[in-house]
Amino acid sequence: MSANVKIYTIPTCSDCNHAKRYFKEQNVPYMEYNCEENPEYAVEVKNLTGKQIVPTILIDDKVFIGFAENFKEISALLA
């Protein structure tokens, strides 16, 4: 399966770093949007979720707020 994966992050977020490491280990290509470098990305997160929480992960048309608490569903989607 070739999913379209996007992840909104900030550099100091351990859950963000864990998600990126997981995607790399599983050879899942993803686009990273650093909300600290570009405040427009933070606005996108707010528009998508109503919150400003990272990581916000998009896999095709599904939106996840956080990685660890959504790990089972995320890994199943990417399997």
N, C-alpha and C. Protein backbone atom coordinates (compact mmCIF):
# COMPACT_ATOMS: atom_id res chain seq x y z
N MET A 1 0.84 -1.19 0.00
CA MET A 1 0.00 0.00 0.00
C MET A 1 0.88 1.24 0.00
N SER A 2 0.51 2.19 -0.81
CA SER A 2 1.26 3.43 -0.86
C SER A 2 0.36 4.56 -0.36
N ALA A 3 0.45 4.82 0.93
CA ALA A 3 -0.38 5.85 1.54
C ALA A 3 0.29 7.21 1.40
N ASN A 4 -0.53 8.24 1.37
CA ASN A 4 -0.04 9.60 1.38
C ASN A 4 0.03 10.03 2.85
N VAL A 5 1.25 10.17 3.38
CA VAL A 5 1.44 10.45 4.79
C VAL A 5 2.05 11.83 4.98
N LYS A 6 1.39 12.62 5.82
CA LYS A 6 1.89 13.95 6.20
C LYS A 6 1.95 13.99 7.72
N ILE A 7 2.98 14.66 8.24
CA ILE A 7 3.09 14.81 9.68
C ILE A 7 3.48 16.25 10.02
N TYR A 8 2.68 16.84 10.89
CA TYR A 8 2.94 18.20 11.39
C TYR A 8 3.69 18.05 12.70
N THR A 9 4.83 18.74 12.82
CA THR A 9 5.73 18.53 13.95
C THR A 9 6.28 19.84 14.50
N ILE A 10 6.97 19.72 15.63
CA ILE A 10 7.94 20.71 16.10
C ILE A 10 9.18 19.92 16.52
N PRO A 11 10.36 20.52 16.46
CA PRO A 11 11.60 19.77 16.72
C PRO A 11 11.70 19.16 18.12
N THR A 12 11.11 19.78 19.13
CA THR A 12 11.28 19.31 20.51
C THR A 12 10.22 18.30 20.93
N CYS A 13 9.37 17.87 20.03
CA CYS A 13 8.27 16.95 20.34
C CYS A 13 8.75 15.50 20.26
N SER A 14 8.79 14.82 21.40
CA SER A 14 9.28 13.43 21.40
C SER A 14 8.34 12.49 20.66
N ASP A 15 7.03 12.72 20.74
CA ASP A 15 6.08 11.88 20.02
C ASP A 15 6.23 12.06 18.51
N CYS A 16 6.53 13.30 18.09
CA CYS A 16 6.80 13.59 16.66
C CYS A 16 8.02 12.80 16.20
N ASN A 17 9.09 12.86 16.99
CA ASN A 17 10.33 12.18 16.63
C ASN A 17 10.14 10.67 16.61
N HIS A 18 9.34 10.15 17.53
CA HIS A 18 9.04 8.73 17.55
C HIS A 18 8.29 8.32 16.28
N ALA A 19 7.31 9.12 15.88
CA ALA A 19 6.55 8.83 14.66
C ALA A 19 7.45 8.84 13.43
N LYS A 20 8.29 9.85 13.32
CA LYS A 20 9.19 9.94 12.15
C LYS A 20 10.14 8.75 12.12
N ARG A 21 10.66 8.36 13.28
CA ARG A 21 11.55 7.21 13.35
C ARG A 21 10.82 5.94 12.91
N TYR A 22 9.58 5.77 13.37
CA TYR A 22 8.78 4.61 12.99
C TYR A 22 8.58 4.59 11.47
N PHE A 23 8.19 5.73 10.89
CA PHE A 23 7.97 5.78 9.44
C PHE A 23 9.25 5.41 8.69
N LYS A 24 10.38 5.91 9.14
CA LYS A 24 11.66 5.59 8.48
C LYS A 24 11.96 4.10 8.60
N GLU A 25 11.79 3.54 9.79
CA GLU A 25 12.07 2.11 10.01
C GLU A 25 11.17 1.23 9.15
N GLN A 26 9.94 1.67 8.91
CA GLN A 26 8.98 0.90 8.11
C GLN A 26 9.04 1.26 6.62
N ASN A 27 9.99 2.13 6.26
CA ASN A 27 10.13 2.58 4.87
C ASN A 27 8.85 3.21 4.34
N VAL A 28 8.22 4.01 5.18
CA VAL A 28 7.01 4.73 4.80
C VAL A 28 7.40 6.16 4.43
N PRO A 29 7.27 6.53 3.17
CA PRO A 29 7.58 7.91 2.80
C PRO A 29 6.56 8.87 3.42
N TYR A 30 7.05 10.00 3.87
CA TYR A 30 6.16 10.99 4.49
C TYR A 30 6.68 12.39 4.20
N MET A 31 5.77 13.35 4.29
CA MET A 31 6.14 14.76 4.18
C MET A 31 6.03 15.35 5.58
N GLU A 32 7.07 16.05 5.99
CA GLU A 32 7.06 16.69 7.31
C GLU A 32 6.78 18.17 7.16
N TYR A 33 5.93 18.67 8.04
CA TYR A 33 5.58 20.09 8.08
C TYR A 33 5.93 20.61 9.47
N ASN A 34 7.02 21.36 9.55
CA ASN A 34 7.54 21.86 10.82
C ASN A 34 6.80 23.15 11.19
N CYS A 35 5.95 23.06 12.20
CA CYS A 35 5.12 24.20 12.61
C CYS A 35 5.93 25.31 13.27
N GLU A 36 7.12 24.98 13.74
CA GLU A 36 7.97 26.00 14.34
C GLU A 36 8.65 26.85 13.27
N GLU A 37 9.03 26.23 12.17
CA GLU A 37 9.68 26.95 11.09
C GLU A 37 8.69 27.76 10.26
N ASN A 38 7.47 27.23 10.12
CA ASN A 38 6.46 27.90 9.30
C ASN A 38 5.14 27.95 10.06
N PRO A 39 4.79 29.11 10.61
CA PRO A 39 3.56 29.24 11.39
C PRO A 39 2.29 28.92 10.60
N GLU A 40 2.35 28.98 9.27
CA GLU A 40 1.18 28.61 8.47
C GLU A 40 0.80 27.14 8.69
N TYR A 41 1.78 26.30 8.96
CA TYR A 41 1.49 24.89 9.22
C TYR A 41 0.69 24.73 10.50
N ALA A 42 0.97 25.56 11.50
CA ALA A 42 0.20 25.52 12.75
C ALA A 42 -1.26 25.91 12.48
N VAL A 43 -1.46 26.85 11.57
CA VAL A 43 -2.82 27.24 11.19
C VAL A 43 -3.51 26.07 10.49
N GLU A 44 -2.79 25.35 9.64
CA GLU A 44 -3.36 24.18 8.97
C GLU A 44 -3.81 23.14 9.99
N VAL A 45 -2.98 22.91 11.02
CA VAL A 45 -3.32 21.95 12.07
C VAL A 45 -4.60 22.39 12.77
N LYS A 46 -4.68 23.65 13.11
CA LYS A 46 -5.86 24.19 13.79
C LYS A 46 -7.11 24.01 12.91
N ASN A 47 -6.97 24.26 11.62
CA ASN A 47 -8.10 24.10 10.70
C ASN A 47 -8.52 22.63 10.56
N LEU A 48 -7.54 21.73 10.59
CA LEU A 48 -7.83 20.30 10.45
C LEU A 48 -8.48 19.70 11.69
N THR A 49 -8.01 20.13 12.87
CA THR A 49 -8.37 19.44 14.11
C THR A 49 -9.13 20.29 15.11
N GLY A 50 -9.08 21.60 14.94
CA GLY A 50 -9.66 22.49 15.94
C GLY A 50 -8.74 22.68 17.13
N LYS A 51 -7.56 22.08 17.05
CA LYS A 51 -6.57 22.15 18.14
C LYS A 51 -5.22 22.48 17.54
N GLN A 52 -4.28 22.79 18.42
CA GLN A 52 -2.90 23.00 17.97
C GLN A 52 -2.01 22.00 18.69
N ILE A 53 -2.13 20.75 18.28
CA ILE A 53 -1.39 19.67 18.92
C ILE A 53 -0.55 18.96 17.86
N VAL A 54 0.70 18.70 18.20
CA VAL A 54 1.57 17.90 17.33
C VAL A 54 1.98 16.65 18.10
N PRO A 55 2.26 15.57 17.40
CA PRO A 55 2.11 15.48 15.96
C PRO A 55 0.65 15.35 15.54
N THR A 56 0.33 15.99 14.45
CA THR A 56 -0.91 15.73 13.75
C THR A 56 -0.49 14.99 12.48
N ILE A 57 -1.07 13.82 12.30
CA ILE A 57 -0.67 12.94 11.21
C ILE A 57 -1.86 12.73 10.29
N LEU A 58 -1.62 12.91 9.00
CA LEU A 58 -2.64 12.63 7.99
C LEU A 58 -2.17 11.43 7.18
N ILE A 59 -3.03 10.44 7.09
CA ILE A 59 -2.77 9.28 6.24
C ILE A 59 -3.95 9.20 5.29
N ASP A 60 -3.69 9.55 4.05
CA ASP A 60 -4.74 9.72 3.05
C ASP A 60 -5.78 10.69 3.60
N ASP A 61 -6.99 10.24 3.88
CA ASP A 61 -8.03 11.16 4.34
C ASP A 61 -8.30 11.05 5.84
N LYS A 62 -7.48 10.29 6.57
CA LYS A 62 -7.66 10.12 8.01
C LYS A 62 -6.71 11.04 8.77
N VAL A 63 -7.22 11.68 9.82
CA VAL A 63 -6.44 12.60 10.64
C VAL A 63 -6.26 12.00 12.03
N PHE A 64 -5.01 11.99 12.50
CA PHE A 64 -4.69 11.50 13.84
C PHE A 64 -4.02 12.60 14.63
N ILE A 65 -4.47 12.78 15.86
CA ILE A 65 -3.83 13.74 16.77
C ILE A 65 -3.02 12.91 17.74
N GLY A 66 -1.70 12.99 17.61
CA GLY A 66 -0.81 12.19 18.43
C GLY A 66 -0.44 10.90 17.73
N PHE A 67 0.71 10.35 18.11
CA PHE A 67 1.19 9.11 17.50
C PHE A 67 1.02 7.92 18.43
N ALA A 68 1.56 8.01 19.64
CA ALA A 68 1.56 6.86 20.55
C ALA A 68 0.14 6.35 20.80
N GLU A 69 -0.79 7.25 21.07
CA GLU A 69 -2.16 6.83 21.39
C GLU A 69 -2.92 6.32 20.17
N ASN A 70 -2.40 6.56 18.97
CA ASN A 70 -3.03 6.09 17.73
C ASN A 70 -2.20 5.04 17.01
N PHE A 71 -1.17 4.53 17.68
CA PHE A 71 -0.20 3.66 17.03
C PHE A 71 -0.84 2.45 16.36
N LYS A 72 -1.74 1.77 17.06
CA LYS A 72 -2.34 0.55 16.49
C LYS A 72 -3.07 0.84 15.18
N GLU A 73 -3.87 1.90 15.17
CA GLU A 73 -4.63 2.22 13.97
C GLU A 73 -3.70 2.70 12.83
N ILE A 74 -2.69 3.50 13.20
CA ILE A 74 -1.74 3.98 12.20
C ILE A 74 -0.96 2.81 11.58
N SER A 75 -0.45 1.93 12.42
CA SER A 75 0.33 0.80 11.90
C SER A 75 -0.54 -0.12 11.06
N ALA A 76 -1.82 -0.30 11.44
CA ALA A 76 -2.71 -1.13 10.64
C ALA A 76 -2.98 -0.51 9.27
N LEU A 77 -3.14 0.80 9.23
CA LEU A 77 -3.36 1.50 7.95
C LEU A 77 -2.17 1.37 7.02
N LEU A 78 -0.98 1.34 7.59
CA LEU A 78 0.24 1.33 6.79
C LEU A 78 0.72 -0.08 6.46
N ALA A 79 0.05 -1.09 7.01
CA ALA A 79 0.49 -2.48 6.79
C ALA A 79 0.21 -2.92 5.37
